[in-house]
Amino acid sequence: MKNEDFLQHFGVKGMKWGKTSSKSSGGASSKKRKKKISEMTNDELKTINARLQLEKQYKDLTKKDTIKGRKFVKEVLTNSAKTVATAYATKAITRSVENLIKNKAGG
């Protein structure tokens, strides 16, 4: 056999393909660290608070009458699921009782 007939692997055993072992190549170290509230300035808190209030107002203003529709669909699905679950449980219990009766009659 020639050296060309062999497949050689020069990676690290157990390492996943496409992953690097270098800690400095991104990941958690490149993300911004969030400050604790006690470390923030008043201006930073005001900015964050204003942004959150604007987002909440936007959600409230763009909310459509989907709440009623969602509630209806949720009720229909819940009732359907209850019906199916009850039918399945009834069938399973009936089969179990029939099997018990057969076993006692035959034994």
C-alpha atoms as a PDB file:
ATOM      1  CA  MET A   1       0.000   0.000   0.000  1.00  0.00           C
ATOM      2  CA  LYS A   2       1.056   3.528  -0.685  1.00  0.00           C
ATOM      3  CA  ASN A   3       0.763   6.532   1.618  1.00  0.00           C
ATOM      4  CA  GLU A   4      -1.917   7.851  -0.748  1.00  0.00           C
ATOM      5  CA  ASP A   5      -4.198   4.968   0.282  1.00  0.00           C
ATOM      6  CA  PHE A   6      -4.568   6.225   3.852  1.00  0.00           C
ATOM      7  CA  LEU A   7      -6.852   8.858   5.247  1.00  0.00           C
ATOM      8  CA  GLN A   8      -5.079  10.771   7.958  1.00  0.00           C
ATOM      9  CA  HIS A   9      -6.732  12.914  10.586  1.00  0.00           C
ATOM     10  CA  PHE A  10      -4.799  15.725  12.209  1.00  0.00           C
ATOM     11  CA  GLY A  11      -7.597  17.058  14.423  1.00  0.00           C
ATOM     12  CA  VAL A  12      -8.131  16.827  18.150  1.00  0.00           C
ATOM     13  CA  LYS A  13      -9.796  13.613  19.338  1.00  0.00           C
ATOM     14  CA  GLY A  14     -13.416  14.249  20.344  1.00  0.00           C
ATOM     15  CA  MET A  15     -13.536  17.692  18.754  1.00  0.00           C
ATOM     16  CA  LYS A  16     -16.525  18.531  16.572  1.00  0.00           C
ATOM     17  CA  TRP A  17     -16.058  19.479  12.921  1.00  0.00           C
ATOM     18  CA  GLY A  18     -16.079  23.211  12.289  1.00  0.00           C
ATOM     19  CA  LYS A  19     -15.504  24.101  15.921  1.00  0.00           C
ATOM     20  CA  THR A  20     -12.397  25.854  17.128  1.00  0.00           C
ATOM     21  CA  SER A  21     -10.827  25.375  20.516  1.00  0.00           C
ATOM     22  CA  SER A  22      -9.667  28.983  20.758  1.00  0.00           C
ATOM     23  CA  LYS A  23     -11.471  30.896  23.488  1.00  0.00           C
ATOM     24  CA  SER A  24     -10.721  34.262  21.857  1.00  0.00           C
ATOM     25  CA  SER A  25     -12.539  33.490  18.604  1.00  0.00           C
ATOM     26  CA  GLY A  26     -15.844  35.006  19.662  1.00  0.00           C
ATOM     27  CA  GLY A  27     -18.401  33.362  21.867  1.00  0.00           C
ATOM     28  CA  ALA A  28     -19.178  34.708  25.319  1.00  0.00           C
ATOM     29  CA  SER A  29     -16.024  36.779  25.565  1.00  0.00           C
ATOM     30  CA  SER A  30     -17.061  38.999  22.642  1.00  0.00           C
ATOM     31  CA  LYS A  31     -20.544  39.700  24.009  1.00  0.00           C
ATOM     32  CA  LYS A  32     -21.198  42.837  25.991  1.00  0.00           C
ATOM     33  CA  ARG A  33     -21.468  42.269  29.700  1.00  0.00           C
ATOM     34  CA  LYS A  34     -24.737  43.571  31.114  1.00  0.00           C
ATOM     35  CA  LYS A  35     -24.388  45.954  33.984  1.00  0.00           C
ATOM     36  CA  LYS A  36     -26.151  45.439  37.253  1.00  0.00           C
ATOM     37  CA  ILE A  37     -28.790  48.023  38.062  1.00  0.00           C
ATOM     38  CA  SER A  38     -26.669  49.314  40.914  1.00  0.00           C
ATOM     39  CA  GLU A  39     -23.779  49.918  38.458  1.00  0.00           C
ATOM     40  CA  MET A  40     -25.884  51.972  36.014  1.00  0.00           C
ATOM     41  CA  THR A  41     -26.054  55.727  35.932  1.00  0.00           C
ATOM     42  CA  ASN A  42     -29.353  57.562  36.158  1.00  0.00           C
ATOM     43  CA  ASP A  43     -29.120  58.470  32.461  1.00  0.00           C
ATOM     44  CA  GLU A  44     -28.625  54.816  31.490  1.00  0.00           C
ATOM     45  CA  LEU A  45     -31.625  53.773  33.565  1.00  0.00           C
ATOM     46  CA  LYS A  46     -33.772  56.543  32.055  1.00  0.00           C
ATOM     47  CA  THR A  47     -32.791  55.478  28.546  1.00  0.00           C
ATOM     48  CA  ILE A  48     -33.603  51.825  29.191  1.00  0.00           C
ATOM     49  CA  ASN A  49     -36.853  52.676  30.959  1.00  0.00           C
ATOM     50  CA  ALA A  50     -37.966  54.971  28.130  1.00  0.00           C
ATOM     51  CA  ARG A  51     -37.219  52.254  25.569  1.00  0.00           C
ATOM     52  CA  LEU A  52     -39.185  49.631  27.494  1.00  0.00           C
ATOM     53  CA  GLN A  53     -42.151  51.988  27.880  1.00  0.00           C
ATOM     54  CA  LEU A  54     -42.125  52.730  24.149  1.00  0.00           C
ATOM     55  CA  GLU A  55     -42.033  49.030  23.316  1.00  0.00           C
ATOM     56  CA  LYS A  56     -44.971  48.351  25.637  1.00  0.00           C
ATOM     57  CA  GLN A  57     -46.984  51.218  24.158  1.00  0.00           C
ATOM     58  CA  TYR A  58     -46.255  49.970  20.648  1.00  0.00           C
ATOM     59  CA  LYS A  59     -47.448  46.452  21.533  1.00  0.00           C
ATOM     60  CA  ASP A  60     -50.619  47.824  23.106  1.00  0.00           C
ATOM     61  CA  LEU A  61     -51.373  50.090  20.135  1.00  0.00           C
ATOM     62  CA  THR A  62     -50.769  47.421  17.495  1.00  0.00           C
ATOM     63  CA  LYS A  63     -52.679  44.719  19.353  1.00  0.00           C
ATOM     64  CA  LYS A  64     -55.679  43.748  17.246  1.00  0.00           C
ATOM     65  CA  ASP A  65     -58.840  41.915  18.157  1.00  0.00           C
ATOM     66  CA  THR A  66     -56.955  38.661  17.911  1.00  0.00           C
ATOM     67  CA  ILE A  67     -57.439  38.099  21.629  1.00  0.00           C
ATOM     68  CA  LYS A  68     -61.089  37.148  21.106  1.00  0.00           C
ATOM     69  CA  GLY A  69     -60.202  34.868  18.208  1.00  0.00           C
ATOM     70  CA  ARG A  70     -57.390  33.227  20.126  1.00  0.00           C
ATOM     71  CA  LYS A  71     -59.664  32.681  23.101  1.00  0.00           C
ATOM     72  CA  PHE A  72     -62.291  31.011  20.881  1.00  0.00           C
ATOM     73  CA  VAL A  73     -59.752  28.770  19.168  1.00  0.00           C
ATOM     74  CA  LYS A  74     -58.195  27.848  22.505  1.00  0.00           C
ATOM     75  CA  GLU A  75     -61.600  26.864  23.894  1.00  0.00           C
ATOM     76  CA  VAL A  76     -62.428  24.773  20.816  1.00  0.00           C
ATOM     77  CA  LEU A  77     -59.076  22.970  20.943  1.00  0.00           C
ATOM     78  CA  THR A  78     -59.338  22.393  24.687  1.00  0.00           C
ATOM     79  CA  ASN A  79     -62.835  20.959  24.400  1.00  0.00           C
ATOM     80  CA  SER A  80     -61.809  18.758  21.479  1.00  0.00           C
ATOM     81  CA  ALA A  81     -58.793  17.476  23.362  1.00  0.00           C
ATOM     82  CA  LYS A  82     -60.937  16.695  26.411  1.00  0.00           C
ATOM     83  CA  THR A  83     -63.422  14.790  24.245  1.00  0.00           C
ATOM     84  CA  VAL A  84     -60.702  12.745  22.543  1.00  0.00           C
ATOM     85  CA  ALA A  85     -58.921  12.037  25.839  1.00  0.00           C
ATOM     86  CA  THR A  86     -62.172  10.940  27.495  1.00  0.00           C
ATOM     87  CA  ALA A  87     -63.041   8.624  24.597  1.00  0.00           C
ATOM     88  CA  TYR A  88     -59.541   7.111  24.613  1.00  0.00           C
ATOM     89  CA  ALA A  89     -59.552   6.600  28.390  1.00  0.00           C
ATOM     90  CA  THR A  90     -63.023   5.038  28.263  1.00  0.00           C
ATOM     91  CA  LYS A  91     -61.944   2.644  25.530  1.00  0.00           C
ATOM     92  CA  ALA A  92     -58.768   1.679  27.409  1.00  0.00           C
ATOM     93  CA  ILE A  93     -60.628   1.076  30.670  1.00  0.00           C
ATOM     94  CA  THR A  94     -63.305  -0.957  28.892  1.00  0.00           C
ATOM     95  CA  ARG A  95     -60.643  -3.178  27.280  1.00  0.00           C
ATOM     96  CA  SER A  96     -58.883  -3.647  30.621  1.00  0.00           C
ATOM     97  CA  VAL A  97     -62.115  -4.673  32.346  1.00  0.00           C
ATOM     98  CA  GLU A  98     -62.979  -7.075  29.501  1.00  0.00           C
ATOM     99  CA  ASN A  99     -59.525  -8.652  29.743  1.00  0.00           C
ATOM    100  CA  LEU A 100     -59.913  -9.069  33.517  1.00  0.00           C
ATOM    101  CA  ILE A 101     -63.296 -10.742  33.046  1.00  0.00           C
ATOM    102  CA  LYS A 102     -61.867 -13.092  30.384  1.00  0.00           C
ATOM    103  CA  ASN A 103     -58.911 -13.991  32.589  1.00  0.00           C
ATOM    104  CA  LYS A 104     -61.120 -14.754  35.606  1.00  0.00           C
ATOM    105  CA  ALA A 105     -63.580 -16.754  33.526  1.00  0.00           C
ATOM    106  CA  GLY A 106     -60.838 -18.758  31.860  1.00  0.00           C
ATOM    107  CA  GLY A 107     -58.672 -19.248  34.959  1.00  0.00           C
END
